[in-house]
PDB file of N, CA and C in Angstrom:
ATOM      1  N   GLN A   1     -10.054 -29.316  -4.905  1.00  0.00           N
ATOM      2  CA  GLN A   1      -8.794 -28.854  -4.337  1.00  0.00           C
ATOM      3  C   GLN A   1      -8.413 -27.516  -4.968  1.00  0.00           C
ATOM      4  N   VAL A   2      -8.175 -26.536  -4.107  1.00  0.00           N
ATOM      5  CA  VAL A   2      -7.813 -25.211  -4.586  1.00  0.00           C
ATOM      6  C   VAL A   2      -6.369 -25.205  -5.075  1.00  0.00           C
ATOM      7  N   GLN A   3      -6.180 -24.641  -6.251  1.00  0.00           N
ATOM      8  CA  GLN A   3      -4.830 -24.493  -6.780  1.00  0.00           C
ATOM      9  C   GLN A   3      -4.666 -23.141  -7.439  1.00  0.00           C
ATOM     10  N   LEU A   4      -3.536 -22.521  -7.174  1.00  0.00           N
ATOM     11  CA  LEU A   4      -3.082 -21.332  -7.889  1.00  0.00           C
ATOM     12  C   LEU A   4      -1.682 -21.656  -8.383  1.00  0.00           C
ATOM     13  N   VAL A   5      -1.515 -21.691  -9.681  1.00  0.00           N
ATOM     14  CA  VAL A   5      -0.238 -22.087 -10.256  1.00  0.00           C
ATOM     15  C   VAL A   5       0.316 -20.936 -11.083  1.00  0.00           C
ATOM     16  N   GLU A   6       1.437 -20.404 -10.617  1.00  0.00           N
ATOM     17  CA  GLU A   6       2.087 -19.302 -11.326  1.00  0.00           C
ATOM     18  C   GLU A   6       3.070 -19.838 -12.353  1.00  0.00           C
ATOM     19  N   SER A   7       3.246 -19.078 -13.416  1.00  0.00           N
ATOM     20  CA  SER A   7       4.228 -19.421 -14.435  1.00  0.00           C
ATOM     21  C   SER A   7       4.716 -18.141 -15.092  1.00  0.00           C
ATOM     22  N   GLY A   8       5.829 -18.261 -15.824  1.00  0.00           N
ATOM     23  CA  GLY A   8       6.325 -17.134 -16.591  1.00  0.00           C
ATOM     24  C   GLY A   8       7.536 -16.440 -16.012  1.00  0.00           C
ATOM     25  N   GLY A   9       7.964 -16.850 -14.829  1.00  0.00           N
ATOM     26  CA  GLY A   9       9.140 -16.223 -14.247  1.00  0.00           C
ATOM     27  C   GLY A   9      10.411 -16.640 -14.960  1.00  0.00           C
ATOM     28  N   GLY A  10      11.501 -15.993 -14.601  1.00  0.00           N
ATOM     29  CA  GLY A  10      12.778 -16.328 -15.207  1.00  0.00           C
ATOM     30  C   GLY A  10      13.773 -15.214 -15.049  1.00  0.00           C
ATOM     31  N   LEU A  11      14.859 -15.338 -15.804  1.00  0.00           N
ATOM     32  CA  LEU A  11      15.927 -14.349 -15.788  1.00  0.00           C
ATOM     33  C   LEU A  11      15.750 -13.391 -16.962  1.00  0.00           C
ATOM     34  N   VAL A  12      15.815 -12.106 -16.678  1.00  0.00           N
ATOM     35  CA  VAL A  12      15.655 -11.094 -17.716  1.00  0.00           C
ATOM     36  C   VAL A  12      16.618  -9.944 -17.438  1.00  0.00           C
ATOM     37  N   GLN A  13      17.073  -9.308 -18.483  1.00  0.00           N
ATOM     38  CA  GLN A  13      17.977  -8.177 -18.335  1.00  0.00           C
ATOM     39  C   GLN A  13      17.203  -6.920 -17.944  1.00  0.00           C
ATOM     40  N   PRO A  14      17.868  -5.988 -17.279  1.00  0.00           N
ATOM     41  CA  PRO A  14      17.212  -4.711 -16.974  1.00  0.00           C
ATOM     42  C   PRO A  14      16.655  -4.068 -18.240  1.00  0.00           C
ATOM     43  N   GLY A  15      15.441  -3.561 -18.112  1.00  0.00           N
ATOM     44  CA  GLY A  15      14.756  -2.982 -19.260  1.00  0.00           C
ATOM     45  C   GLY A  15      13.898  -3.959 -20.029  1.00  0.00           C
ATOM     46  N   GLY A  16      14.026  -5.216 -19.715  1.00  0.00           N
ATOM     47  CA  GLY A  16      13.262  -6.244 -20.414  1.00  0.00           C
ATOM     48  C   GLY A  16      11.856  -6.413 -19.873  1.00  0.00           C
ATOM     49  N   SER A  17      11.168  -7.396 -20.431  1.00  0.00           N
ATOM     50  CA  SER A  17       9.775  -7.656 -20.072  1.00  0.00           C
ATOM     51  C   SER A  17       9.562  -9.134 -19.760  1.00  0.00           C
ATOM     52  N   LEU A  18       8.575  -9.366 -18.925  1.00  0.00           N
ATOM     53  CA  LEU A  18       8.103 -10.716 -18.642  1.00  0.00           C
ATOM     54  C   LEU A  18       6.594 -10.649 -18.442  1.00  0.00           C
ATOM     55  N   ARG A  19       5.955 -11.757 -18.717  1.00  0.00           N
ATOM     56  CA  ARG A  19       4.518 -11.859 -18.452  1.00  0.00           C
ATOM     57  C   ARG A  19       4.292 -13.057 -17.553  1.00  0.00           C
ATOM     58  N   LEU A  20       3.786 -12.788 -16.367  1.00  0.00           N
ATOM     59  CA  LEU A  20       3.450 -13.848 -15.431  1.00  0.00           C
ATOM     60  C   LEU A  20       1.988 -14.229 -15.603  1.00  0.00           C
ATOM     61  N   SER A  21       1.708 -15.495 -15.389  1.00  0.00           N
ATOM     62  CA  SER A  21       0.337 -15.966 -15.472  1.00  0.00           C
ATOM     63  C   SER A  21       0.026 -16.835 -14.256  1.00  0.00           C
ATOM     64  N   CYS A  22      -1.197 -16.736 -13.795  1.00  0.00           N
ATOM     65  CA  CYS A  22      -1.652 -17.545 -12.671  1.00  0.00           C
ATOM     66  C   CYS A  22      -2.916 -18.282 -13.103  1.00  0.00           C
ATOM     67  N   ALA A  23      -2.861 -19.601 -13.053  1.00  0.00           N
ATOM     68  CA  ALA A  23      -4.015 -20.425 -13.400  1.00  0.00           C
ATOM     69  C   ALA A  23      -4.676 -20.905 -12.121  1.00  0.00           C
ATOM     70  N   ALA A  24      -5.964 -20.633 -11.991  1.00  0.00           N
ATOM     71  CA  ALA A  24      -6.694 -20.962 -10.771  1.00  0.00           C
ATOM     72  C   ALA A  24      -7.671 -22.100 -11.006  1.00  0.00           C
ATOM     73  N   SER A  25      -7.869 -22.916  -9.982  1.00  0.00           N
ATOM     74  CA  SER A  25      -8.843 -23.994 -10.057  1.00  0.00           C
ATOM     75  C   SER A  25      -9.292 -24.364  -8.655  1.00  0.00           C
ATOM     76  N   GLY A  26     -10.446 -24.996  -8.587  1.00  0.00           N
ATOM     77  CA  GLY A  26     -10.936 -25.485  -7.297  1.00  0.00           C
ATOM     78  C   GLY A  26     -11.805 -24.514  -6.532  1.00  0.00           C
ATOM     79  N   PHE A  27     -12.081 -23.365  -7.101  1.00  0.00           N
ATOM     80  CA  PHE A  27     -12.965 -22.398  -6.462  1.00  0.00           C
ATOM     81  C   PHE A  27     -13.612 -21.545  -7.545  1.00  0.00           C
ATOM     82  N   THR A  28     -14.625 -20.778  -7.162  1.00  0.00           N
ATOM     83  CA  THR A  28     -15.343 -19.950  -8.131  1.00  0.00           C
ATOM     84  C   THR A  28     -14.555 -18.679  -8.365  1.00  0.00           C
ATOM     85  N   PHE A  29     -13.748 -18.712  -9.393  1.00  0.00           N
ATOM     86  CA  PHE A  29     -12.760 -17.661  -9.667  1.00  0.00           C
ATOM     87  C   PHE A  29     -13.389 -16.279  -9.714  1.00  0.00           C
ATOM     88  N   SER A  30     -14.523 -16.150 -10.352  1.00  0.00           N
ATOM     89  CA  SER A  30     -15.126 -14.833 -10.553  1.00  0.00           C
ATOM     90  C   SER A  30     -15.578 -14.189  -9.242  1.00  0.00           C
ATOM     91  N   ASN A  31     -15.670 -14.956  -8.170  1.00  0.00           N
ATOM     92  CA  ASN A  31     -16.099 -14.422  -6.882  1.00  0.00           C
ATOM     93  C   ASN A  31     -14.953 -13.891  -6.030  1.00  0.00           C
ATOM     94  N   TYR A  32     -13.740 -14.005  -6.543  1.00  0.00           N
ATOM     95  CA  TYR A  32     -12.563 -13.666  -5.756  1.00  0.00           C
ATOM     96  C   TYR A  32     -11.830 -12.470  -6.336  1.00  0.00           C
ATOM     97  N   ALA A  33     -11.334 -11.639  -5.416  1.00  0.00           N
ATOM     98  CA  ALA A  33     -10.406 -10.584  -5.804  1.00  0.00           C
ATOM     99  C   ALA A  33      -9.044 -11.220  -6.029  1.00  0.00           C
ATOM    100  N   MET A  34      -8.405 -10.872  -7.128  1.00  0.00           N
ATOM    101  CA  MET A  34      -7.129 -11.493  -7.494  1.00  0.00           C
ATOM    102  C   MET A  34      -6.014 -10.461  -7.463  1.00  0.00           C
ATOM    103  N   SER A  35      -4.875 -10.882  -6.945  1.00  0.00           N
ATOM    104  CA  SER A  35      -3.747  -9.965  -6.814  1.00  0.00           C
ATOM    105  C   SER A  35      -2.433 -10.691  -7.059  1.00  0.00           C
ATOM    106  N   TRP A  36      -1.417  -9.889  -7.294  1.00  0.00           N
ATOM    107  CA  TRP A  36      -0.042 -10.364  -7.346  1.00  0.00           C
ATOM    108  C   TRP A  36       0.738  -9.702  -6.218  1.00  0.00           C
ATOM    109  N   TYR A  37       1.495 -10.509  -5.495  1.00  0.00           N
ATOM    110  CA  TYR A  37       2.407 -10.036  -4.466  1.00  0.00           C
ATOM    111  C   TYR A  37       3.817 -10.458  -4.851  1.00  0.00           C
ATOM    112  N   ARG A  38       4.776  -9.876  -4.176  1.00  0.00           N
ATOM    113  CA  ARG A  38       6.154 -10.318  -4.378  1.00  0.00           C
ATOM    114  C   ARG A  38       6.919 -10.250  -3.063  1.00  0.00           C
ATOM    115  N   GLN A  39       7.949 -11.064  -2.986  1.00  0.00           N
ATOM    116  CA  GLN A  39       8.811 -11.061  -1.815  1.00  0.00           C
ATOM    117  C   GLN A  39      10.253 -11.159  -2.269  1.00  0.00           C
ATOM    118  N   ALA A  40      10.987 -10.098  -2.000  1.00  0.00           N
ATOM    119  CA  ALA A  40      12.408 -10.069  -2.322  1.00  0.00           C
ATOM    120  C   ALA A  40      13.190 -10.669  -1.159  1.00  0.00           C
ATOM    121  N   PRO A  41      14.411 -11.117  -1.421  1.00  0.00           N
ATOM    122  CA  PRO A  41      15.224 -11.706  -0.353  1.00  0.00           C
ATOM    123  C   PRO A  41      15.385 -10.741   0.814  1.00  0.00           C
ATOM    124  N   GLY A  42      15.087 -11.221   2.010  1.00  0.00           N
ATOM    125  CA  GLY A  42      15.259 -10.412   3.202  1.00  0.00           C
ATOM    126  C   GLY A  42      14.195  -9.366   3.437  1.00  0.00           C
ATOM    127  N   LYS A  43      13.161  -9.379   2.611  1.00  0.00           N
ATOM    128  CA  LYS A  43      12.101  -8.366   2.740  1.00  0.00           C
ATOM    129  C   LYS A  43      10.754  -9.051   2.955  1.00  0.00           C
ATOM    130  N   GLU A  44       9.796  -8.252   3.409  1.00  0.00           N
ATOM    131  CA  GLU A  44       8.457  -8.768   3.601  1.00  0.00           C
ATOM    132  C   GLU A  44       7.713  -8.860   2.269  1.00  0.00           C
ATOM    133  N   ARG A  45       6.722  -9.729   2.256  1.00  0.00           N
ATOM    134  CA  ARG A  45       5.888  -9.831   1.067  1.00  0.00           C
ATOM    135  C   ARG A  45       5.086  -8.545   0.898  1.00  0.00           C
ATOM    136  N   GLU A  46       4.999  -8.057  -0.333  1.00  0.00           N
ATOM    137  CA  GLU A  46       4.288  -6.807  -0.593  1.00  0.00           C
ATOM    138  C   GLU A  46       3.332  -6.959  -1.761  1.00  0.00           C
ATOM    139  N   LEU A  47       2.272  -6.184  -1.707  1.00  0.00           N
ATOM    140  CA  LEU A  47       1.307  -6.163  -2.797  1.00  0.00           C
ATOM    141  C   LEU A  47       1.905  -5.434  -3.988  1.00  0.00           C
ATOM    142  N   VAL A  48       1.822  -6.044  -5.151  1.00  0.00           N
ATOM    143  CA  VAL A  48       2.322  -5.437  -6.383  1.00  0.00           C
ATOM    144  C   VAL A  48       1.163  -4.827  -7.167  1.00  0.00           C
ATOM    145  N   ALA A  49       0.152  -5.644  -7.413  1.00  0.00           N
ATOM    146  CA  ALA A  49      -0.990  -5.190  -8.196  1.00  0.00           C
ATOM    147  C   ALA A  49      -2.174  -6.083  -7.893  1.00  0.00           C
ATOM    148  N   GLY A  50      -3.372  -5.518  -8.018  1.00  0.00           N
ATOM    149  CA  GLY A  50      -4.541  -6.331  -7.723  1.00  0.00           C
ATOM    150  C   GLY A  50      -5.816  -5.673  -8.150  1.00  0.00           C
ATOM    151  N   PHE A  51      -6.851  -6.470  -8.114  1.00  0.00           N
ATOM    152  CA  PHE A  51      -8.187  -5.967  -8.348  1.00  0.00           C
ATOM    153  C   PHE A  51      -8.831  -5.763  -6.984  1.00  0.00           C
ATOM    154  N   SER A  52      -9.343  -4.589  -6.752  1.00  0.00           N
ATOM    155  CA  SER A  52      -9.909  -4.285  -5.452  1.00  0.00           C
ATOM    156  C   SER A  52     -11.196  -5.052  -5.189  1.00  0.00           C
ATOM    157  N   THR A  53     -11.881  -5.445  -6.224  1.00  0.00           N
ATOM    158  CA  THR A  53     -13.081  -6.247  -6.075  1.00  0.00           C
ATOM    159  C   THR A  53     -13.012  -7.390  -7.060  1.00  0.00           C
ATOM    160  N   THR A  54     -14.031  -8.140  -7.141  1.00  0.00           N
ATOM    161  CA  THR A  54     -14.010  -9.306  -8.014  1.00  0.00           C
ATOM    162  C   THR A  54     -13.970  -8.951  -9.488  1.00  0.00           C
ATOM    163  N   GLY A  55     -14.163  -7.758  -9.821  1.00  0.00           N
ATOM    164  CA  GLY A  55     -14.043  -7.412 -11.235  1.00  0.00           C
ATOM    165  C   GLY A  55     -13.862  -5.936 -11.445  1.00  0.00           C
ATOM    166  N   GLY A  56     -13.576  -5.256 -10.317  1.00  0.00           N
ATOM    167  CA  GLY A  56     -13.562  -3.806 -10.360  1.00  0.00           C
ATOM    168  C   GLY A  56     -12.225  -3.186 -10.681  1.00  0.00           C
ATOM    169  N   ARG A  57     -11.986  -2.069 -10.070  1.00  0.00           N
ATOM    170  CA  ARG A  57     -10.813  -1.273 -10.411  1.00  0.00           C
ATOM    171  C   ARG A  57      -9.539  -1.961  -9.956  1.00  0.00           C
ATOM    172  N   THR A  58      -8.461  -1.575 -10.599  1.00  0.00           N
ATOM    173  CA  THR A  58      -7.164  -2.137 -10.276  1.00  0.00           C
ATOM    174  C   THR A  58      -6.389  -1.205  -9.366  1.00  0.00           C
ATOM    175  N   MET A  59      -5.426  -1.783  -8.651  1.00  0.00           N
ATOM    176  CA  MET A  59      -4.542  -0.996  -7.814  1.00  0.00           C
ATOM    177  C   MET A  59      -3.113  -1.461  -8.040  1.00  0.00           C
ATOM    178  N   TYR A  60      -2.188  -0.521  -7.954  1.00  0.00           N
ATOM    179  CA  TYR A  60      -0.789  -0.824  -8.195  1.00  0.00           C
ATOM    180  C   TYR A  60       0.089  -0.201  -7.112  1.00  0.00           C
ATOM    181  N   ALA A  61       1.144  -0.897  -6.777  1.00  0.00           N
ATOM    182  CA  ALA A  61       2.137  -0.312  -5.886  1.00  0.00           C
ATOM    183  C   ALA A  61       2.818   0.844  -6.595  1.00  0.00           C
ATOM    184  N   ASP A  62       3.195   1.864  -5.854  1.00  0.00           N
ATOM    185  CA  ASP A  62       3.828   3.040  -6.465  1.00  0.00           C
ATOM    186  C   ASP A  62       5.103   2.666  -7.214  1.00  0.00           C
ATOM    187  N   SER A  63       5.809   1.678  -6.712  1.00  0.00           N
ATOM    188  CA  SER A  63       7.101   1.321  -7.301  1.00  0.00           C
ATOM    189  C   SER A  63       6.990   0.729  -8.704  1.00  0.00           C
ATOM    190  N   ILE A  64       5.825   0.273  -9.087  1.00  0.00           N
ATOM    191  CA  ILE A  64       5.668  -0.370 -10.402  1.00  0.00           C
ATOM    192  C   ILE A  64       4.635   0.313 -11.292  1.00  0.00           C
ATOM    193  N   LYS A  65       4.054   1.386 -10.832  1.00  0.00           N
ATOM    194  CA  LYS A  65       3.053   2.094 -11.643  1.00  0.00           C
ATOM    195  C   LYS A  65       3.636   2.530 -12.969  1.00  0.00           C
ATOM    196  N   GLY A  66       2.869   2.286 -14.012  1.00  0.00           N
ATOM    197  CA  GLY A  66       3.295   2.659 -15.350  1.00  0.00           C
ATOM    198  C   GLY A  66       4.156   1.610 -16.023  1.00  0.00           C
ATOM    199  N   ARG A  67       4.583   0.605 -15.268  1.00  0.00           N
ATOM    200  CA  ARG A  67       5.441  -0.438 -15.851  1.00  0.00           C
ATOM    201  C   ARG A  67       4.750  -1.795 -15.882  1.00  0.00           C
ATOM    202  N   PHE A  68       3.903  -2.065 -14.904  1.00  0.00           N
ATOM    203  CA  PHE A  68       3.220  -3.356 -14.790  1.00  0.00           C
ATOM    204  C   PHE A  68       1.729  -3.166 -15.060  1.00  0.00           C
ATOM    205  N   THR A  69       1.130  -4.203 -15.623  1.00  0.00           N
ATOM    206  CA  THR A  69      -0.314  -4.200 -15.865  1.00  0.00           C
ATOM    207  C   THR A  69      -0.892  -5.543 -15.465  1.00  0.00           C
ATOM    208  N   ILE A  70      -1.932  -5.494 -14.651  1.00  0.00           N
ATOM    209  CA  ILE A  70      -2.610  -6.722 -14.249  1.00  0.00           C
ATOM    210  C   ILE A  70      -3.877  -6.891 -15.068  1.00  0.00           C
ATOM    211  N   SER A  71      -4.174  -8.132 -15.385  1.00  0.00           N
ATOM    212  CA  SER A  71      -5.403  -8.423 -16.123  1.00  0.00           C
ATOM    213  C   SER A  71      -5.942  -9.775 -15.662  1.00  0.00           C
ATOM    214  N   ARG A  72      -7.230  -9.954 -15.827  1.00  0.00           N
ATOM    215  CA  ARG A  72      -7.836 -11.233 -15.449  1.00  0.00           C
ATOM    216  C   ARG A  72      -8.803 -11.676 -16.538  1.00  0.00           C
ATOM    217  N   ASP A  73      -8.955 -12.982 -16.658  1.00  0.00           N
ATOM    218  CA  ASP A  73      -9.885 -13.564 -17.611  1.00  0.00           C
ATOM    219  C   ASP A  73     -10.757 -14.546 -16.847  1.00  0.00           C
ATOM    220  N   ASN A  74     -11.969 -14.138 -16.534  1.00  0.00           N
ATOM    221  CA  ASN A  74     -12.853 -14.984 -15.735  1.00  0.00           C
ATOM    222  C   ASN A  74     -13.313 -16.224 -16.495  1.00  0.00           C
ATOM    223  N   ALA A  75     -13.259 -16.183 -17.801  1.00  0.00           N
ATOM    224  CA  ALA A  75     -13.631 -17.359 -18.593  1.00  0.00           C
ATOM    225  C   ALA A  75     -12.547 -18.428 -18.532  1.00  0.00           C
ATOM    226  N   LYS A  76     -11.313 -17.989 -18.416  1.00  0.00           N
ATOM    227  CA  LYS A  76     -10.186 -18.934 -18.393  1.00  0.00           C
ATOM    228  C   LYS A  76      -9.648 -19.167 -16.984  1.00  0.00           C
ATOM    229  N   ASN A  77     -10.182 -18.440 -16.010  1.00  0.00           N
ATOM    230  CA  ASN A  77      -9.707 -18.537 -14.631  1.00  0.00           C
ATOM    231  C   ASN A  77      -8.222 -18.217 -14.514  1.00  0.00           C
ATOM    232  N   THR A  78      -7.831 -17.134 -15.137  1.00  0.00           N
ATOM    233  CA  THR A  78      -6.433 -16.731 -15.091  1.00  0.00           C
ATOM    234  C   THR A  78      -6.304 -15.255 -14.722  1.00  0.00           C
ATOM    235  N   VAL A  79      -5.184 -14.942 -14.118  1.00  0.00           N
ATOM    236  CA  VAL A  79      -4.826 -13.554 -13.868  1.00  0.00           C
ATOM    237  C   VAL A  79      -3.361 -13.393 -14.257  1.00  0.00           C
ATOM    238  N   ASP A  80      -3.093 -12.398 -15.066  1.00  0.00           N
ATOM    239  CA  ASP A  80      -1.757 -12.178 -15.604  1.00  0.00           C
ATOM    240  C   ASP A  80      -1.153 -10.886 -15.070  1.00  0.00           C
ATOM    241  N   LEU A  81       0.175 -10.835 -15.126  1.00  0.00           N
ATOM    242  CA  LEU A  81       0.890  -9.612 -14.774  1.00  0.00           C
ATOM    243  C   LEU A  81       1.917  -9.345 -15.857  1.00  0.00           C
ATOM    244  N   GLN A  82       1.667  -8.340 -16.648  1.00  0.00           N
ATOM    245  CA  GLN A  82       2.616  -7.922 -17.676  1.00  0.00           C
ATOM    246  C   GLN A  82       3.595  -6.956 -17.039  1.00  0.00           C
ATOM    247  N   MET A  83       4.874  -7.285 -17.108  1.00  0.00           N
ATOM    248  CA  MET A  83       5.909  -6.483 -16.463  1.00  0.00           C
ATOM    249  C   MET A  83       6.865  -5.960 -17.528  1.00  0.00           C
ATOM    250  N   ASN A  84       6.921  -4.657 -17.659  1.00  0.00           N
ATOM    251  CA  ASN A  84       7.799  -4.009 -18.631  1.00  0.00           C
ATOM    252  C   ASN A  84       8.833  -3.149 -17.904  1.00  0.00           C
ATOM    253  N   SER A  85       9.873  -2.787 -18.621  1.00  0.00           N
ATOM    254  CA  SER A  85      10.930  -1.916 -18.079  1.00  0.00           C
ATOM    255  C   SER A  85      11.407  -2.431 -16.729  1.00  0.00           C
ATOM    256  N   LEU A  86      11.704  -3.694 -16.687  1.00  0.00           N
ATOM    257  CA  LEU A  86      12.084  -4.319 -15.419  1.00  0.00           C
ATOM    258  C   LEU A  86      13.397  -3.770 -14.898  1.00  0.00           C
ATOM    259  N   LYS A  87      13.469  -3.686 -13.571  1.00  0.00           N
ATOM    260  CA  LYS A  87      14.644  -3.165 -12.888  1.00  0.00           C
ATOM    261  C   LYS A  87      15.208  -4.240 -11.947  1.00  0.00           C
ATOM    262  N   PRO A  88      16.465  -4.147 -11.604  1.00  0.00           N
ATOM    263  CA  PRO A  88      17.027  -5.135 -10.662  1.00  0.00           C
ATOM    264  C   PRO A  88      16.238  -5.221  -9.359  1.00  0.00           C
ATOM    265  N   GLU A  89      15.685  -4.117  -8.925  1.00  0.00           N
ATOM    266  CA  GLU A  89      14.914  -4.134  -7.674  1.00  0.00           C
ATOM    267  C   GLU A  89      13.571  -4.829  -7.806  1.00  0.00           C
ATOM    268  N   ASP A  90      13.208  -5.242  -8.996  1.00  0.00           N
ATOM    269  CA  ASP A  90      11.995  -6.043  -9.189  1.00  0.00           C
ATOM    270  C   ASP A  90      12.262  -7.527  -8.944  1.00  0.00           C
ATOM    271  N   THR A  91      13.514  -7.871  -8.722  1.00  0.00           N
ATOM    272  CA  THR A  91      13.865  -9.263  -8.454  1.00  0.00           C
ATOM    273  C   THR A  91      13.166  -9.743  -7.186  1.00  0.00           C
ATOM    274  N   ALA A  92      12.424 -10.833  -7.314  1.00  0.00           N
ATOM    275  CA  ALA A  92      11.642 -11.350  -6.189  1.00  0.00           C
ATOM    276  C   ALA A  92      10.938 -12.628  -6.617  1.00  0.00           C
ATOM    277  N   VAL A  93      10.368 -13.300  -5.640  1.00  0.00           N
ATOM    278  CA  VAL A  93       9.416 -14.361  -5.930  1.00  0.00           C
ATOM    279  C   VAL A  93       8.036 -13.714  -5.998  1.00  0.00           C
ATOM    280  N   TYR A  94       7.333 -13.971  -7.074  1.00  0.00           N
ATOM    281  CA  TYR A  94       6.014 -13.373  -7.305  1.00  0.00           C
ATOM    282  C   TYR A  94       4.935 -14.413  -7.016  1.00  0.00           C
ATOM    283  N   TYR A  95       3.952 -13.993  -6.210  1.00  0.00           N
ATOM    284  CA  TYR A  95       2.898 -14.898  -5.760  1.00  0.00           C
ATOM    285  C   TYR A  95       1.532 -14.408  -6.245  1.00  0.00           C
ATOM    286  N   CYS A  96       0.731 -15.352  -6.617  1.00  0.00           N
ATOM    287  CA  CYS A  96      -0.660 -15.094  -6.968  1.00  0.00           C
ATOM    288  C   CYS A  96      -1.520 -15.262  -5.719  1.00  0.00           C
ATOM    289  N   ASN A  97      -2.495 -14.384  -5.550  1.00  0.00           N
ATOM    290  CA  ASN A  97      -3.370 -14.424  -4.382  1.00  0.00           C
ATOM    291  C   ASN A  97      -4.823 -14.298  -4.803  1.00  0.00           C
ATOM    292  N   ALA A  98      -5.660 -15.113  -4.170  1.00  0.00           N
ATOM    293  CA  ALA A  98      -7.113 -15.029  -4.358  1.00  0.00           C
ATOM    294  C   ALA A  98      -7.735 -14.776  -2.993  1.00  0.00           C
ATOM    295  N   ARG A  99      -8.621 -13.802  -2.945  1.00  0.00           N
ATOM    296  CA  ARG A  99      -9.167 -13.411  -1.639  1.00  0.00           C
ATOM    297  C   ARG A  99     -10.648 -13.094  -1.748  1.00  0.00           C
ATOM    298  N   THR A 100     -11.387 -13.580  -0.736  1.00  0.00           N
ATOM    299  CA  THR A 100     -12.754 -13.137  -0.556  1.00  0.00           C
ATOM    300  C   THR A 100     -13.060 -13.190   0.923  1.00  0.00           C
ATOM    301  N   GLY A 101     -13.487 -12.096   1.485  1.00  0.00           N
ATOM    302  CA  GLY A 101     -13.730 -12.058   2.914  1.00  0.00           C
ATOM    303  C   GLY A 101     -12.481 -12.449   3.687  1.00  0.00           C
ATOM    304  N   VAL A 102     -12.584 -13.455   4.515  1.00  0.00           N
ATOM    305  CA  VAL A 102     -11.440 -13.894   5.317  1.00  0.00           C
ATOM    306  C   VAL A 102     -10.693 -15.043   4.659  1.00  0.00           C
ATOM    307  N   ILE A 103     -11.137 -15.456   3.496  1.00  0.00           N
ATOM    308  CA  ILE A 103     -10.495 -16.576   2.800  1.00  0.00           C
ATOM    309  C   ILE A 103      -9.392 -16.048   1.907  1.00  0.00           C
ATOM    310  N   ASN A 104      -8.200 -16.637   2.067  1.00  0.00           N
ATOM    311  CA  ASN A 104      -7.028 -16.259   1.285  1.00  0.00           C
ATOM    312  C   ASN A 104      -6.377 -17.513   0.731  1.00  0.00           C
ATOM    313  N   TYR A 105      -6.172 -17.533  -0.585  1.00  0.00           N
ATOM    314  CA  TYR A 105      -5.423 -18.612  -1.207  1.00  0.00           C
ATOM    315  C   TYR A 105      -4.149 -18.052  -1.823  1.00  0.00           C
ATOM    316  N   TRP A 106      -3.076 -18.863  -1.751  1.00  0.00           N
ATOM    317  CA  TRP A 106      -1.789 -18.443  -2.292  1.00  0.00           C
ATOM    318  C   TRP A 106      -1.222 -19.513  -3.220  1.00  0.00           C
ATOM    319  N   GLY A 107      -0.552 -19.061  -4.258  1.00  0.00           N
ATOM    320  CA  GLY A 107       0.230 -19.961  -5.064  1.00  0.00           C
ATOM    321  C   GLY A 107       1.595 -20.166  -4.441  1.00  0.00           C
ATOM    322  N   LYS A 108       2.413 -21.008  -5.074  1.00  0.00           N
ATOM    323  CA  LYS A 108       3.740 -21.296  -4.537  1.00  0.00           C
ATOM    324  C   LYS A 108       4.792 -20.301  -5.010  1.00  0.00           C
ATOM    325  N   GLY A 109       4.441 -19.501  -5.986  1.00  0.00           N
ATOM    326  CA  GLY A 109       5.336 -18.453  -6.425  1.00  0.00           C
ATOM    327  C   GLY A 109       6.163 -18.818  -7.639  1.00  0.00           C
ATOM    328  N   THR A 110       6.604 -17.773  -8.336  1.00  0.00           N
ATOM    329  CA  THR A 110       7.513 -17.931  -9.456  1.00  0.00           C
ATOM    330  C   THR A 110       8.608 -16.876  -9.329  1.00  0.00           C
ATOM    331  N   LEU A 111       9.845 -17.292  -9.555  1.00  0.00           N
ATOM    332  CA  LEU A 111      10.983 -16.410  -9.345  1.00  0.00           C
ATOM    333  C   LEU A 111      11.260 -15.548 -10.564  1.00  0.00           C
ATOM    334  N   VAL A 112      11.388 -14.261 -10.318  1.00  0.00           N
ATOM    335  CA  VAL A 112      11.792 -13.305 -11.344  1.00  0.00           C
ATOM    336  C   VAL A 112      13.133 -12.711 -10.930  1.00  0.00           C
ATOM    337  N   THR A 113      14.098 -12.837 -11.813  1.00  0.00           N
ATOM    338  CA  THR A 113      15.429 -12.296 -11.554  1.00  0.00           C
ATOM    339  C   THR A 113      15.772 -11.304 -12.659  1.00  0.00           C
ATOM    340  N   VAL A 114      16.038 -10.076 -12.259  1.00  0.00           N
ATOM    341  CA  VAL A 114      16.396  -9.027 -13.225  1.00  0.00           C
ATOM    342  C   VAL A 114      17.870  -8.702 -13.016  1.00  0.00           C
ATOM    343  N   SER A 115      18.661  -9.095 -13.994  1.00  0.00           N
ATOM    344  CA  SER A 115      20.100  -8.939 -13.852  1.00  0.00           C
ATOM    345  C   SER A 115      20.770  -8.958 -15.212  1.00  0.00           C
ATOM    346  N   SER A 116      21.865  -8.233 -15.306  1.00  0.00           N
ATOM    347  CA  SER A 116      22.637  -8.251 -16.550  1.00  0.00           C
ATOM    348  C   SER A 116      23.749  -9.280 -16.455  1.00  0.00           C
TER     349      SER A 116
END
């Protein structure tokens, strides 16, 4: 059974940091491109950061460049998102995604709220 389980969300003040983690199981993790998406209230889901290939270069949305860092550990089947200098506009549900070809897996998401 495929599972993507996100953790690490919560309430943080502007300027603060959070580290999200996604634990994957039920598929061959190293064969999948891994990404983080987010969906803010009333907005469409958008790509935040990801690996363009199963282990290759990373890509970041312009809105978070220089503040967020994605990393993956193929030995532990995890992909993390380190988020620094958080802003209120980063408030959203953050989703982990695994993709290969036409196959897409999604986690249930973790809520990040940036507010004073």
